[in-house]
Amino acid sequence: ERRKDLARIVRKQAEDFRIVIRNVRRDSVEEL
């Protein structure tokens, strides 16, 4: 059960970091 919880946490963290990457893209394109 704890392993499944950790896997869920890791997936959430990965999605948060994907969003940060997309935000960097958005900001860079706006600057261009």
PDB file of all heavy atoms in Angstrom:
ATOM      1  N   GLU A   1       0.833  -1.207   0.000  1.00  0.00           N
ATOM      2  CA  GLU A   1       0.000   0.000   0.000  1.00  0.00           C
ATOM      3  C   GLU A   1       0.869   1.259   0.000  1.00  0.00           C
ATOM      4  O   GLU A   1       0.603   2.219  -0.726  1.00  0.00           O
ATOM      5  CB  GLU A   1      -0.919  -0.008   1.225  1.00  0.00           C
ATOM      6  CG  GLU A   1      -1.924   1.114   1.216  1.00  0.00           C
ATOM      7  CD  GLU A   1      -2.893   1.024   2.389  1.00  0.00           C
ATOM      8  OE1 GLU A   1      -3.383  -0.086   2.680  1.00  0.00           O
ATOM      9  OE2 GLU A   1      -3.129   2.079   2.995  1.00  0.00           O
ATOM     10  N   ARG A   2       1.924   1.257   0.821  1.00  0.00           N
ATOM     11  CA  ARG A   2       2.823   2.408   0.895  1.00  0.00           C
ATOM     12  C   ARG A   2       3.561   2.600  -0.440  1.00  0.00           C
ATOM     13  O   ARG A   2       3.772   3.721  -0.878  1.00  0.00           O
ATOM     14  CB  ARG A   2       3.815   2.231   2.042  1.00  0.00           C
ATOM     15  CG  ARG A   2       4.793   3.367   2.194  1.00  0.00           C
ATOM     16  CD  ARG A   2       4.112   4.665   2.572  1.00  0.00           C
ATOM     17  NE  ARG A   2       5.106   5.722   2.692  1.00  0.00           N
ATOM     18  CZ  ARG A   2       4.908   6.967   2.320  1.00  0.00           C
ATOM     19  NH1 ARG A   2       3.737   7.347   1.881  1.00  0.00           N
ATOM     20  NH2 ARG A   2       5.856   7.853   2.436  1.00  0.00           N
ATOM     21  N   ARG A   3       3.921   1.506  -1.084  1.00  0.00           N
ATOM     22  CA  ARG A   3       4.582   1.598  -2.390  1.00  0.00           C
ATOM     23  C   ARG A   3       3.654   2.262  -3.411  1.00  0.00           C
ATOM     24  O   ARG A   3       4.079   3.099  -4.196  1.00  0.00           O
ATOM     25  CB  ARG A   3       4.990   0.214  -2.886  1.00  0.00           C
ATOM     26  CG  ARG A   3       6.151  -0.387  -2.144  1.00  0.00           C
ATOM     27  CD  ARG A   3       6.488  -1.786  -2.674  1.00  0.00           C
ATOM     28  NE  ARG A   3       7.395  -2.467  -1.810  1.00  0.00           N
ATOM     29  CZ  ARG A   3       8.715  -2.304  -1.803  1.00  0.00           C
ATOM     30  NH1 ARG A   3       9.255  -1.456  -2.639  1.00  0.00           N
ATOM     31  NH2 ARG A   3       9.478  -2.965  -0.970  1.00  0.00           N
ATOM     32  N   LYS A   4       2.374   1.886  -3.384  1.00  0.00           N
ATOM     33  CA  LYS A   4       1.409   2.484  -4.312  1.00  0.00           C
ATOM     34  C   LYS A   4       1.240   3.977  -4.017  1.00  0.00           C
ATOM     35  O   LYS A   4       1.135   4.781  -4.934  1.00  0.00           O
ATOM     36  CB  LYS A   4       0.069   1.755  -4.223  1.00  0.00           C
ATOM     37  CG  LYS A   4       0.107   0.378  -4.843  1.00  0.00           C
ATOM     38  CD  LYS A   4      -1.218  -0.337  -4.709  1.00  0.00           C
ATOM     39  CE  LYS A   4      -1.136  -1.741  -5.295  1.00  0.00           C
ATOM     40  NZ  LYS A   4      -2.361  -2.498  -5.077  1.00  0.00           N
ATOM     41  N   ASP A   5       1.208   4.327  -2.721  1.00  0.00           N
ATOM     42  CA  ASP A   5       1.120   5.744  -2.342  1.00  0.00           C
ATOM     43  C   ASP A   5       2.333   6.514  -2.851  1.00  0.00           C
ATOM     44  O   ASP A   5       2.200   7.622  -3.382  1.00  0.00           O
ATOM     45  CB  ASP A   5       1.025   5.896  -0.818  1.00  0.00           C
ATOM     46  CG  ASP A   5      -0.321   5.466  -0.268  1.00  0.00           C
ATOM     47  OD1 ASP A   5      -1.277   5.332  -1.059  1.00  0.00           O
ATOM     48  OD2 ASP A   5      -0.416   5.258   0.966  1.00  0.00           O
ATOM     49  N   LEU A   6       3.516   5.926  -2.670  1.00  0.00           N
ATOM     50  CA  LEU A   6       4.742   6.586  -3.135  1.00  0.00           C
ATOM     51  C   LEU A   6       4.727   6.751  -4.652  1.00  0.00           C
ATOM     52  O   LEU A   6       5.130   7.797  -5.171  1.00  0.00           O
ATOM     53  CB  LEU A   6       5.976   5.792  -2.712  1.00  0.00           C
ATOM     54  CG  LEU A   6       6.421   5.953  -1.265  1.00  0.00           C
ATOM     55  CD1 LEU A   6       7.548   4.984  -0.949  1.00  0.00           C
ATOM     56  CD2 LEU A   6       6.852   7.376  -0.980  1.00  0.00           C
ATOM     57  N   ALA A   7       4.259   5.731  -5.365  1.00  0.00           N
ATOM     58  CA  ALA A   7       4.175   5.816  -6.826  1.00  0.00           C
ATOM     59  C   ALA A   7       3.232   6.949  -7.233  1.00  0.00           C
ATOM     60  O   ALA A   7       3.523   7.711  -8.167  1.00  0.00           O
ATOM     61  CB  ALA A   7       3.716   4.488  -7.411  1.00  0.00           C
ATOM     62  N   ARG A   8       2.131   7.080  -6.520  1.00  0.00           N
ATOM     63  CA  ARG A   8       1.177   8.160  -6.795  1.00  0.00           C
ATOM     64  C   ARG A   8       1.837   9.524  -6.540  1.00  0.00           C
ATOM     65  O   ARG A   8       1.688  10.462  -7.341  1.00  0.00           O
ATOM     66  CB  ARG A   8      -0.050   7.982  -5.896  1.00  0.00           C
ATOM     67  CG  ARG A   8      -1.314   8.553  -6.460  1.00  0.00           C
ATOM     68  CD  ARG A   8      -2.558   8.205  -5.655  1.00  0.00           C
ATOM     69  NE  ARG A   8      -2.757   6.758  -5.515  1.00  0.00           N
ATOM     70  CZ  ARG A   8      -2.792   6.115  -4.350  1.00  0.00           C
ATOM     71  NH1 ARG A   8      -2.685   6.763  -3.219  1.00  0.00           N
ATOM     72  NH2 ARG A   8      -2.971   4.815  -4.304  1.00  0.00           N
ATOM     73  N   ILE A   9       2.572   9.622  -5.444  1.00  0.00           N
ATOM     74  CA  ILE A   9       3.265  10.877  -5.104  1.00  0.00           C
ATOM     75  C   ILE A   9       4.278  11.232  -6.185  1.00  0.00           C
ATOM     76  O   ILE A   9       4.371  12.382  -6.619  1.00  0.00           O
ATOM     77  CB  ILE A   9       3.949  10.752  -3.724  1.00  0.00           C
ATOM     78  CG1 ILE A   9       2.891  10.718  -2.616  1.00  0.00           C
ATOM     79  CG2 ILE A   9       4.939  11.887  -3.490  1.00  0.00           C
ATOM     80  CD1 ILE A   9       3.432  10.300  -1.255  1.00  0.00           C
ATOM     81  N   VAL A  10       5.030  10.243  -6.637  1.00  0.00           N
ATOM     82  CA  VAL A  10       6.048  10.469  -7.662  1.00  0.00           C
ATOM     83  C   VAL A  10       5.403  10.921  -8.972  1.00  0.00           C
ATOM     84  O   VAL A  10       5.899  11.833  -9.631  1.00  0.00           O
ATOM     85  CB  VAL A  10       6.887   9.178  -7.862  1.00  0.00           C
ATOM     86  CG1 VAL A  10       7.727   9.250  -9.110  1.00  0.00           C
ATOM     87  CG2 VAL A  10       7.772   8.950  -6.655  1.00  0.00           C
ATOM     88  N   ARG A  11       4.292  10.306  -9.346  1.00  0.00           N
ATOM     89  CA  ARG A  11       3.598  10.721 -10.573  1.00  0.00           C
ATOM     90  C   ARG A  11       3.117  12.172 -10.457  1.00  0.00           C
ATOM     91  O   ARG A  11       3.209  12.941 -11.413  1.00  0.00           O
ATOM     92  CB  ARG A  11       2.428   9.788 -10.871  1.00  0.00           C
ATOM     93  CG  ARG A  11       2.868   8.456 -11.468  1.00  0.00           C
ATOM     94  CD  ARG A  11       1.697   7.659 -12.031  1.00  0.00           C
ATOM     95  NE  ARG A  11       0.781   7.197 -10.982  1.00  0.00           N
ATOM     96  CZ  ARG A  11       0.926   6.060 -10.303  1.00  0.00           C
ATOM     97  NH1 ARG A  11       1.944   5.269 -10.551  1.00  0.00           N
ATOM     98  NH2 ARG A  11       0.054   5.721  -9.382  1.00  0.00           N
ATOM     99  N   LYS A  12       2.607  12.540  -9.297  1.00  0.00           N
ATOM    100  CA  LYS A  12       2.143  13.914  -9.069  1.00  0.00           C
ATOM    101  C   LYS A  12       3.317  14.891  -9.169  1.00  0.00           C
ATOM    102  O   LYS A  12       3.207  15.950  -9.802  1.00  0.00           O
ATOM    103  CB  LYS A  12       1.478  13.999  -7.682  1.00  0.00           C
ATOM    104  CG  LYS A  12       1.214  15.392  -7.177  1.00  0.00           C
ATOM    105  CD  LYS A  12      -0.099  15.952  -7.678  1.00  0.00           C
ATOM    106  CE  LYS A  12      -0.460  17.243  -7.005  1.00  0.00           C
ATOM    107  NZ  LYS A  12       0.123  18.425  -7.610  1.00  0.00           N
ATOM    108  N   GLN A  13       4.445  14.531  -8.541  1.00  0.00           N
ATOM    109  CA  GLN A  13       5.627  15.399  -8.622  1.00  0.00           C
ATOM    110  C   GLN A  13       6.087  15.551 -10.065  1.00  0.00           C
ATOM    111  O   GLN A  13       6.417  16.662 -10.499  1.00  0.00           O
ATOM    112  CB  GLN A  13       6.776  14.828  -7.784  1.00  0.00           C
ATOM    113  CG  GLN A  13       6.611  15.016  -6.301  1.00  0.00           C
ATOM    114  CD  GLN A  13       7.784  14.417  -5.524  1.00  0.00           C
ATOM    115  OE1 GLN A  13       8.397  13.447  -5.946  1.00  0.00           O
ATOM    116  NE2 GLN A  13       8.067  14.992  -4.382  1.00  0.00           N
ATOM    117  N   ALA A  14       6.101  14.460 -10.807  1.00  0.00           N
ATOM    118  CA  ALA A  14       6.524  14.518 -12.212  1.00  0.00           C
ATOM    119  C   ALA A  14       5.603  15.448 -13.005  1.00  0.00           C
ATOM    120  O   ALA A  14       6.081  16.256 -13.807  1.00  0.00           O
ATOM    121  CB  ALA A  14       6.532  13.118 -12.820  1.00  0.00           C
ATOM    122  N   GLU A  15       4.304  15.356 -12.768  1.00  0.00           N
ATOM    123  CA  GLU A  15       3.367  16.233 -13.471  1.00  0.00           C
ATOM    124  C   GLU A  15       3.609  17.694 -13.100  1.00  0.00           C
ATOM    125  O   GLU A  15       3.577  18.581 -13.964  1.00  0.00           O
ATOM    126  CB  GLU A  15       1.915  15.835 -13.181  1.00  0.00           C
ATOM    127  CG  GLU A  15       0.891  16.653 -13.948  1.00  0.00           C
ATOM    128  CD  GLU A  15       1.101  16.660 -15.465  1.00  0.00           C
ATOM    129  OE1 GLU A  15       1.538  15.639 -16.036  1.00  0.00           O
ATOM    130  OE2 GLU A  15       0.824  17.713 -16.087  1.00  0.00           O
ATOM    131  N   ASP A  16       3.881  17.956 -11.818  1.00  0.00           N
ATOM    132  CA  ASP A  16       4.185  19.327 -11.396  1.00  0.00           C
ATOM    133  C   ASP A  16       5.414  19.868 -12.131  1.00  0.00           C
ATOM    134  O   ASP A  16       5.444  21.026 -12.552  1.00  0.00           O
ATOM    135  CB  ASP A  16       4.413  19.383  -9.883  1.00  0.00           C
ATOM    136  CG  ASP A  16       3.147  19.126  -9.088  1.00  0.00           C
ATOM    137  OD1 ASP A  16       2.035  19.178  -9.669  1.00  0.00           O
ATOM    138  OD2 ASP A  16       3.259  18.863  -7.867  1.00  0.00           O
ATOM    139  N   PHE A  17       6.424  19.021 -12.301  1.00  0.00           N
ATOM    140  CA  PHE A  17       7.635  19.455 -12.994  1.00  0.00           C
ATOM    141  C   PHE A  17       7.396  19.608 -14.498  1.00  0.00           C
ATOM    142  O   PHE A  17       7.988  20.479 -15.122  1.00  0.00           O
ATOM    143  CB  PHE A  17       8.804  18.510 -12.696  1.00  0.00           C
ATOM    144  CG  PHE A  17       9.424  18.767 -11.353  1.00  0.00           C
ATOM    145  CD1 PHE A  17       9.053  18.016 -10.247  1.00  0.00           C
ATOM    146  CD2 PHE A  17      10.354  19.780 -11.181  1.00  0.00           C
ATOM    147  CE1 PHE A  17       9.606  18.265  -8.998  1.00  0.00           C
ATOM    148  CE2 PHE A  17      10.914  20.039  -9.939  1.00  0.00           C
ATOM    149  CZ  PHE A  17      10.539  19.284  -8.842  1.00  0.00           C
ATOM    150  N   ARG A  18       6.523  18.799 -15.078  1.00  0.00           N
ATOM    151  CA  ARG A  18       6.149  18.988 -16.491  1.00  0.00           C
ATOM    152  C   ARG A  18       5.501  20.362 -16.673  1.00  0.00           C
ATOM    153  O   ARG A  18       5.758  21.057 -17.658  1.00  0.00           O
ATOM    154  CB  ARG A  18       5.176  17.906 -16.953  1.00  0.00           C
ATOM    155  CG  ARG A  18       5.811  16.570 -17.206  1.00  0.00           C
ATOM    156  CD  ARG A  18       4.778  15.618 -17.841  1.00  0.00           C
ATOM    157  NE  ARG A  18       5.137  14.258 -17.586  1.00  0.00           N
ATOM    158  CZ  ARG A  18       4.564  13.451 -16.688  1.00  0.00           C
ATOM    159  NH1 ARG A  18       3.552  13.862 -15.970  1.00  0.00           N
ATOM    160  NH2 ARG A  18       4.981  12.223 -16.522  1.00  0.00           N
ATOM    161  N   ILE A  19       4.649  20.721 -15.717  1.00  0.00           N
ATOM    162  CA  ILE A  19       3.977  22.029 -15.778  1.00  0.00           C
ATOM    163  C   ILE A  19       5.011  23.153 -15.709  1.00  0.00           C
ATOM    164  O   ILE A  19       4.919  24.139 -16.445  1.00  0.00           O
ATOM    165  CB  ILE A  19       2.925  22.145 -14.650  1.00  0.00           C
ATOM    166  CG1 ILE A  19       1.748  21.204 -14.945  1.00  0.00           C
ATOM    167  CG2 ILE A  19       2.442  23.587 -14.490  1.00  0.00           C
ATOM    168  CD1 ILE A  19       0.789  21.017 -13.792  1.00  0.00           C
ATOM    169  N   VAL A  20       6.011  22.999 -14.854  1.00  0.00           N
ATOM    170  CA  VAL A  20       7.060  24.022 -14.747  1.00  0.00           C
ATOM    171  C   VAL A  20       7.798  24.152 -16.084  1.00  0.00           C
ATOM    172  O   VAL A  20       8.059  25.267 -16.550  1.00  0.00           O
ATOM    173  CB  VAL A  20       8.044  23.697 -13.596  1.00  0.00           C
ATOM    174  CG1 VAL A  20       9.219  24.658 -13.600  1.00  0.00           C
ATOM    175  CG2 VAL A  20       7.327  23.747 -12.258  1.00  0.00           C
ATOM    176  N   ILE A  21       8.104  23.020 -16.712  1.00  0.00           N
ATOM    177  CA  ILE A  21       8.782  23.040 -18.026  1.00  0.00           C
ATOM    178  C   ILE A  21       7.908  23.770 -19.054  1.00  0.00           C
ATOM    179  O   ILE A  21       8.385  24.620 -19.811  1.00  0.00           O
ATOM    180  CB  ILE A  21       9.096  21.603 -18.508  1.00  0.00           C
ATOM    181  CG1 ILE A  21      10.143  20.934 -17.625  1.00  0.00           C
ATOM    182  CG2 ILE A  21       9.511  21.591 -19.985  1.00  0.00           C
ATOM    183  CD1 ILE A  21      11.559  21.403 -17.808  1.00  0.00           C
ATOM    184  N   ARG A  22       6.612  23.467 -19.042  1.00  0.00           N
ATOM    185  CA  ARG A  22       5.701  24.136 -19.991  1.00  0.00           C
ATOM    186  C   ARG A  22       5.610  25.633 -19.711  1.00  0.00           C
ATOM    187  O   ARG A  22       5.480  26.443 -20.639  1.00  0.00           O
ATOM    188  CB  ARG A  22       4.312  23.501 -19.934  1.00  0.00           C
ATOM    189  CG  ARG A  22       4.296  22.103 -20.507  1.00  0.00           C
ATOM    190  CD  ARG A  22       2.886  21.519 -20.500  1.00  0.00           C
ATOM    191  NE  ARG A  22       2.940  20.092 -20.679  1.00  0.00           N
ATOM    192  CZ  ARG A  22       2.514  19.200 -19.786  1.00  0.00           C
ATOM    193  NH1 ARG A  22       1.973  19.591 -18.651  1.00  0.00           N
ATOM    194  NH2 ARG A  22       2.618  17.915 -20.028  1.00  0.00           N
ATOM    195  N   ASN A  23       5.666  26.010 -18.438  1.00  0.00           N
ATOM    196  CA  ASN A  23       5.657  27.431 -18.089  1.00  0.00           C
ATOM    197  C   ASN A  23       6.907  28.135 -18.602  1.00  0.00           C
ATOM    198  O   ASN A  23       6.842  29.284 -19.052  1.00  0.00           O
ATOM    199  CB  ASN A  23       5.515  27.623 -16.581  1.00  0.00           C
ATOM    200  CG  ASN A  23       4.129  27.282 -16.079  1.00  0.00           C
ATOM    201  OD1 ASN A  23       3.167  27.207 -16.846  1.00  0.00           O
ATOM    202  ND2 ASN A  23       4.026  27.053 -14.781  1.00  0.00           N
ATOM    203  N   VAL A  24       8.045  27.454 -18.524  1.00  0.00           N
ATOM    204  CA  VAL A  24       9.283  28.019 -19.070  1.00  0.00           C
ATOM    205  C   VAL A  24       9.112  28.224 -20.574  1.00  0.00           C
ATOM    206  O   VAL A  24       9.483  29.271 -21.114  1.00  0.00           O
ATOM    207  CB  VAL A  24      10.500  27.097 -18.779  1.00  0.00           C
ATOM    208  CG1 VAL A  24      11.727  27.551 -19.562  1.00  0.00           C
ATOM    209  CG2 VAL A  24      10.801  27.048 -17.297  1.00  0.00           C
ATOM    210  N   ARG A  25       8.523  27.226 -21.251  1.00  0.00           N
ATOM    211  CA  ARG A  25       8.268  27.353 -22.693  1.00  0.00           C
ATOM    212  C   ARG A  25       7.387  28.564 -22.967  1.00  0.00           C
ATOM    213  O   ARG A  25       7.690  29.387 -23.838  1.00  0.00           O
ATOM    214  CB  ARG A  25       7.599  26.085 -23.236  1.00  0.00           C
ATOM    215  CG  ARG A  25       7.211  26.219 -24.717  1.00  0.00           C
ATOM    216  CD  ARG A  25       6.312  25.119 -25.210  1.00  0.00           C
ATOM    217  NE  ARG A  25       5.078  25.100 -24.434  1.00  0.00           N
ATOM    218  CZ  ARG A  25       4.233  24.085 -24.411  1.00  0.00           C
ATOM    219  NH1 ARG A  25       4.472  22.996 -25.094  1.00  0.00           N
ATOM    220  NH2 ARG A  25       3.133  24.147 -23.693  1.00  0.00           N
ATOM    221  N   ARG A  26       6.282  28.671 -22.233  1.00  0.00           N
ATOM    222  CA  ARG A  26       5.340  29.783 -22.442  1.00  0.00           C
ATOM    223  C   ARG A  26       6.038  31.127 -22.259  1.00  0.00           C
ATOM    224  O   ARG A  26       5.912  32.029 -23.092  1.00  0.00           O
ATOM    225  CB  ARG A  26       4.170  29.655 -21.466  1.00  0.00           C
ATOM    226  CG  ARG A  26       3.098  30.734 -21.674  1.00  0.00           C
ATOM    227  CD  ARG A  26       2.197  30.884 -20.479  1.00  0.00           C
ATOM    228  NE  ARG A  26       2.979  31.347 -19.345  1.00  0.00           N
ATOM    229  CZ  ARG A  26       2.865  30.890 -18.106  1.00  0.00           C
ATOM    230  NH1 ARG A  26       1.988  29.979 -17.812  1.00  0.00           N
ATOM    231  NH2 ARG A  26       3.627  31.366 -17.133  1.00  0.00           N
ATOM    232  N   ASP A  27       6.797  31.266 -21.168  1.00  0.00           N
ATOM    233  CA  ASP A  27       7.486  32.531 -20.898  1.00  0.00           C
ATOM    234  C   ASP A  27       8.501  32.865 -21.990  1.00  0.00           C
ATOM    235  O   ASP A  27       8.631  34.026 -22.403  1.00  0.00           O
ATOM    236  CB  ASP A  27       8.186  32.481 -19.538  1.00  0.00           C
ATOM    237  CG  ASP A  27       7.204  32.374 -18.376  1.00  0.00           C
ATOM    238  OD1 ASP A  27       5.989  32.623 -18.578  1.00  0.00           O
ATOM    239  OD2 ASP A  27       7.650  32.030 -17.256  1.00  0.00           O
ATOM    240  N   SER A  28       9.210  31.848 -22.474  1.00  0.00           N
ATOM    241  CA  SER A  28      10.217  32.065 -23.516  1.00  0.00           C
ATOM    242  C   SER A  28       9.561  32.490 -24.831  1.00  0.00           C
ATOM    243  O   SER A  28      10.053  33.400 -25.503  1.00  0.00           O
ATOM    244  CB  SER A  28      11.033  30.792 -23.731  1.00  0.00           C
ATOM    245  OG  SER A  28      11.720  30.456 -22.552  1.00  0.00           O
ATOM    246  N   VAL A  29       8.463  31.839 -25.173  1.00  0.00           N
ATOM    247  CA  VAL A  29       7.756  32.192 -26.409  1.00  0.00           C
ATOM    248  C   VAL A  29       7.190  33.610 -26.296  1.00  0.00           C
ATOM    249  O   VAL A  29       7.257  34.394 -27.255  1.00  0.00           O
ATOM    250  CB  VAL A  29       6.655  31.154 -26.735  1.00  0.00           C
ATOM    251  CG1 VAL A  29       5.739  31.651 -27.843  1.00  0.00           C
ATOM    252  CG2 VAL A  29       7.289  29.827 -27.125  1.00  0.00           C
ATOM    253  N   GLU A  30       6.662  33.964 -25.139  1.00  0.00           N
ATOM    254  CA  GLU A  30       6.141  35.330 -24.945  1.00  0.00           C
ATOM    255  C   GLU A  30       7.261  36.358 -25.104  1.00  0.00           C
ATOM    256  O   GLU A  30       7.051  37.419 -25.696  1.00  0.00           O
ATOM    257  CB  GLU A  30       5.494  35.460 -23.560  1.00  0.00           C
ATOM    258  CG  GLU A  30       4.129  34.827 -23.468  1.00  0.00           C
ATOM    259  CD  GLU A  30       3.536  34.885 -22.062  1.00  0.00           C
ATOM    260  OE1 GLU A  30       4.137  35.523 -21.157  1.00  0.00           O
ATOM    261  OE2 GLU A  30       2.456  34.294 -21.870  1.00  0.00           O
ATOM    262  N   GLU A  31       8.442  36.027 -24.584  1.00  0.00           N
ATOM    263  CA  GLU A  31       9.580  36.940 -24.713  1.00  0.00           C
ATOM    264  C   GLU A  31       9.974  37.091 -26.190  1.00  0.00           C
ATOM    265  O   GLU A  31      10.268  38.200 -26.644  1.00  0.00           O
ATOM    266  CB  GLU A  31      10.767  36.429 -23.889  1.00  0.00           C
ATOM    267  CG  GLU A  31      11.983  37.316 -23.938  1.00  0.00           C
ATOM    268  CD  GLU A  31      11.760  38.724 -23.418  1.00  0.00           C
ATOM    269  OE1 GLU A  31      10.937  38.927 -22.503  1.00  0.00           O
ATOM    270  OE2 GLU A  31      12.408  39.653 -23.948  1.00  0.00           O
ATOM    271  N   LEU A  32       9.961  35.981 -26.925  1.00  0.00           N
ATOM    272  CA  LEU A  32      10.269  36.056 -28.365  1.00  0.00           C
ATOM    273  C   LEU A  32       9.235  36.923 -29.099  1.00  0.00           C
ATOM    274  O   LEU A  32       9.594  37.739 -29.949  1.00  0.00           O
ATOM    275  CB  LEU A  32      10.298  34.655 -28.979  1.00  0.00           C
ATOM    276  CG  LEU A  32      11.514  33.793 -28.673  1.00  0.00           C
ATOM    277  CD1 LEU A  32      11.310  32.385 -29.195  1.00  0.00           C
ATOM    278  CD2 LEU A  32      12.769  34.410 -29.272  1.00  0.00           C
TER     279      LEU A  32
END
